[in-house]
């Protein structure tokens, strides 16, 4: 899994590439921990190149989301593939997270 970060306006855009599974979640959690300490962070996860997310990855997203909310932050997901979107629908996490079809849509919202 690869993680890159850039700033787009007020948002920290984190691009994920590859599978988000038990083998890669520790790296993701470490990255999230560094990102969440910014005052009032606004974060968009661009998941256009994510092929699979397992329960450990979902847990990392939920933990990061909660920490951001505690600091009045914003957390959005963008560009989910059909397979990844299905995982969010089955687990009903689409009710928890703001999910957008594209990075541009997330930035404009």
C-alpha atoms as a PDB file:
ATOM      1  CA  UNK A   1       0.000   0.000   0.000  1.00  0.00           C
ATOM      2  CA  UNK A   2       1.242   3.473  -0.873  1.00  0.00           C
ATOM      3  CA  UNK A   3       0.219   6.673   0.901  1.00  0.00           C
ATOM      4  CA  UNK A   4       0.801  10.180  -0.416  1.00  0.00           C
ATOM      5  CA  UNK A   5      -0.362  13.483   0.983  1.00  0.00           C
ATOM      6  CA  UNK A   6      -0.942  16.878  -0.573  1.00  0.00           C
ATOM      7  CA  UNK A   7      -2.686  20.102   0.322  1.00  0.00           C
ATOM      8  CA  UNK A   8      -5.600  21.265  -1.840  1.00  0.00           C
ATOM      9  CA  UNK A   9      -7.112  24.465  -0.518  1.00  0.00           C
ATOM     10  CA  UNK A  10      -8.193  23.877   3.074  1.00  0.00           C
ATOM     11  CA  UNK A  11      -8.016  20.107   2.706  1.00  0.00           C
ATOM     12  CA  UNK A  12      -5.289  17.592   3.363  1.00  0.00           C
ATOM     13  CA  UNK A  13      -5.766  15.054   0.563  1.00  0.00           C
ATOM     14  CA  UNK A  14      -4.476  11.591   1.366  1.00  0.00           C
ATOM     15  CA  UNK A  15      -4.191   9.276  -1.635  1.00  0.00           C
ATOM     16  CA  UNK A  16      -4.201   5.571  -0.922  1.00  0.00           C
ATOM     17  CA  UNK A  17      -3.078   2.960  -3.428  1.00  0.00           C
ATOM     18  CA  UNK A  18      -3.369  -0.812  -3.090  1.00  0.00           C
ATOM     19  CA  UNK A  19      -5.131  -3.025  -0.585  1.00  0.00           C
ATOM     20  CA  UNK A  20      -6.017  -1.849   2.905  1.00  0.00           C
ATOM     21  CA  UNK A  21      -5.810  -5.038   4.907  1.00  0.00           C
ATOM     22  CA  UNK A  22      -4.322  -6.406   8.121  1.00  0.00           C
ATOM     23  CA  UNK A  23      -0.818  -6.368   6.648  1.00  0.00           C
ATOM     24  CA  UNK A  24      -0.989  -2.669   5.728  1.00  0.00           C
ATOM     25  CA  UNK A  25      -3.231  -1.207   8.426  1.00  0.00           C
ATOM     26  CA  UNK A  26      -0.414  -0.508  10.946  1.00  0.00           C
ATOM     27  CA  UNK A  27       1.281   1.741   8.380  1.00  0.00           C
ATOM     28  CA  UNK A  28      -2.035   3.500   7.730  1.00  0.00           C
ATOM     29  CA  UNK A  29      -2.741   3.988  11.443  1.00  0.00           C
ATOM     30  CA  UNK A  30       0.721   5.474  11.979  1.00  0.00           C
ATOM     31  CA  UNK A  31       0.142   7.893   9.104  1.00  0.00           C
ATOM     32  CA  UNK A  32      -3.324   8.836  10.424  1.00  0.00           C
ATOM     33  CA  UNK A  33      -1.888   9.487  13.887  1.00  0.00           C
ATOM     34  CA  UNK A  34       0.552  12.030  12.424  1.00  0.00           C
ATOM     35  CA  UNK A  35      -2.198  13.733  10.407  1.00  0.00           C
ATOM     36  CA  UNK A  36      -4.890  13.997  13.087  1.00  0.00           C
ATOM     37  CA  UNK A  37      -2.904  16.301  15.379  1.00  0.00           C
ATOM     38  CA  UNK A  38      -3.329  19.339  13.142  1.00  0.00           C
ATOM     39  CA  UNK A  39      -5.788  21.879  14.662  1.00  0.00           C
ATOM     40  CA  UNK A  40      -9.215  21.569  13.013  1.00  0.00           C
ATOM     41  CA  UNK A  41      -8.022  19.241  10.254  1.00  0.00           C
ATOM     42  CA  UNK A  42      -9.973  18.773   7.048  1.00  0.00           C
ATOM     43  CA  UNK A  43      -9.114  15.484   5.384  1.00  0.00           C
ATOM     44  CA  UNK A  44     -10.210  13.798   2.171  1.00  0.00           C
ATOM     45  CA  UNK A  45      -9.150  10.216   1.484  1.00  0.00           C
ATOM     46  CA  UNK A  46      -8.824   9.722  -2.272  1.00  0.00           C
ATOM     47  CA  UNK A  47      -9.390   6.006  -2.720  1.00  0.00           C
ATOM     48  CA  UNK A  48      -9.412   5.848  -6.518  1.00  0.00           C
ATOM     49  CA  UNK A  49      -6.592   3.290  -6.496  1.00  0.00           C
ATOM     50  CA  UNK A  50      -7.785   1.156  -3.577  1.00  0.00           C
ATOM     51  CA  UNK A  51      -8.874  -2.298  -4.664  1.00  0.00           C
ATOM     52  CA  UNK A  52      -9.876  -3.854  -1.332  1.00  0.00           C
ATOM     53  CA  UNK A  53     -10.585  -2.882   2.285  1.00  0.00           C
ATOM     54  CA  UNK A  54     -10.936  -5.440   5.076  1.00  0.00           C
ATOM     55  CA  UNK A  55     -12.301  -5.042   8.594  1.00  0.00           C
ATOM     56  CA  UNK A  56      -8.977  -3.828  10.004  1.00  0.00           C
ATOM     57  CA  UNK A  57      -8.890  -1.078   7.392  1.00  0.00           C
ATOM     58  CA  UNK A  58     -12.470  -0.094   8.204  1.00  0.00           C
ATOM     59  CA  UNK A  59     -11.508   0.026  11.876  1.00  0.00           C
ATOM     60  CA  UNK A  60      -8.631   2.384  11.072  1.00  0.00           C
ATOM     61  CA  UNK A  61     -11.010   4.673   9.154  1.00  0.00           C
ATOM     62  CA  UNK A  62     -13.490   4.716  12.046  1.00  0.00           C
ATOM     63  CA  UNK A  63     -10.782   5.476  14.613  1.00  0.00           C
ATOM     64  CA  UNK A  64      -9.352   8.284  12.467  1.00  0.00           C
ATOM     65  CA  UNK A  65     -12.846   9.686  11.855  1.00  0.00           C
ATOM     66  CA  UNK A  66     -13.609   9.766  15.589  1.00  0.00           C
ATOM     67  CA  UNK A  67     -10.333  11.497  16.430  1.00  0.00           C
ATOM     68  CA  UNK A  68     -10.889  14.125  13.746  1.00  0.00           C
ATOM     69  CA  UNK A  69     -14.443  14.782  14.938  1.00  0.00           C
ATOM     70  CA  UNK A  70     -13.178  15.294  18.497  1.00  0.00           C
ATOM     71  CA  UNK A  71     -10.927  18.058  17.112  1.00  0.00           C
ATOM     72  CA  UNK A  72     -13.733  19.617  15.015  1.00  0.00           C
ATOM     73  CA  UNK A  73     -12.219  18.107  11.897  1.00  0.00           C
ATOM     74  CA  UNK A  74     -13.798  16.992   8.639  1.00  0.00           C
ATOM     75  CA  UNK A  75     -13.359  13.550   7.094  1.00  0.00           C
ATOM     76  CA  UNK A  76     -14.512  12.665   3.584  1.00  0.00           C
ATOM     77  CA  UNK A  77     -13.983   9.663   1.324  1.00  0.00           C
ATOM     78  CA  UNK A  78     -13.708  10.068  -2.444  1.00  0.00           C
ATOM     79  CA  UNK A  79     -13.536   7.920  -5.567  1.00  0.00           C
ATOM     80  CA  UNK A  80     -14.453   4.529  -4.132  1.00  0.00           C
ATOM     81  CA  UNK A  81     -14.373   1.654  -6.605  1.00  0.00           C
ATOM     82  CA  UNK A  82     -17.544  -0.410  -6.961  1.00  0.00           C
ATOM     83  CA  UNK A  83     -16.019  -3.221  -4.893  1.00  0.00           C
ATOM     84  CA  UNK A  84     -14.953  -0.898  -2.055  1.00  0.00           C
ATOM     85  CA  UNK A  85     -18.268   0.987  -2.158  1.00  0.00           C
ATOM     86  CA  UNK A  86     -20.069  -2.353  -1.746  1.00  0.00           C
ATOM     87  CA  UNK A  87     -18.075  -3.011   1.439  1.00  0.00           C
ATOM     88  CA  UNK A  88     -19.213   0.343   2.842  1.00  0.00           C
ATOM     89  CA  UNK A  89     -22.809  -0.461   1.884  1.00  0.00           C
ATOM     90  CA  UNK A  90     -22.781  -3.966   3.410  1.00  0.00           C
ATOM     91  CA  UNK A  91     -21.347  -2.625   6.675  1.00  0.00           C
ATOM     92  CA  UNK A  92     -23.676   0.419   6.515  1.00  0.00           C
ATOM     93  CA  UNK A  93     -20.689   2.715   6.985  1.00  0.00           C
ATOM     94  CA  UNK A  94     -22.005   4.872   4.152  1.00  0.00           C
ATOM     95  CA  UNK A  95     -24.296   6.270   6.882  1.00  0.00           C
ATOM     96  CA  UNK A  96     -21.286   7.324   8.965  1.00  0.00           C
ATOM     97  CA  UNK A  97     -18.901   8.733   6.368  1.00  0.00           C
ATOM     98  CA  UNK A  98     -19.346  11.440   3.769  1.00  0.00           C
ATOM     99  CA  UNK A  99     -18.677   9.592   0.497  1.00  0.00           C
ATOM    100  CA  UNK A 100     -18.239  11.358  -2.855  1.00  0.00           C
ATOM    101  CA  UNK A 101     -17.927  10.016  -6.379  1.00  0.00           C
ATOM    102  CA  UNK A 102     -14.796  12.050  -7.091  1.00  0.00           C
ATOM    103  CA  UNK A 103     -12.113  14.113  -5.402  1.00  0.00           C
ATOM    104  CA  UNK A 104     -13.478  17.203  -7.125  1.00  0.00           C
ATOM    105  CA  UNK A 105     -16.962  16.572  -5.720  1.00  0.00           C
ATOM    106  CA  UNK A 106     -15.526  16.171  -2.216  1.00  0.00           C
ATOM    107  CA  UNK A 107     -13.555  19.413  -2.532  1.00  0.00           C
ATOM    108  CA  UNK A 108     -16.607  21.299  -3.818  1.00  0.00           C
ATOM    109  CA  UNK A 109     -18.964  20.082  -1.081  1.00  0.00           C
END
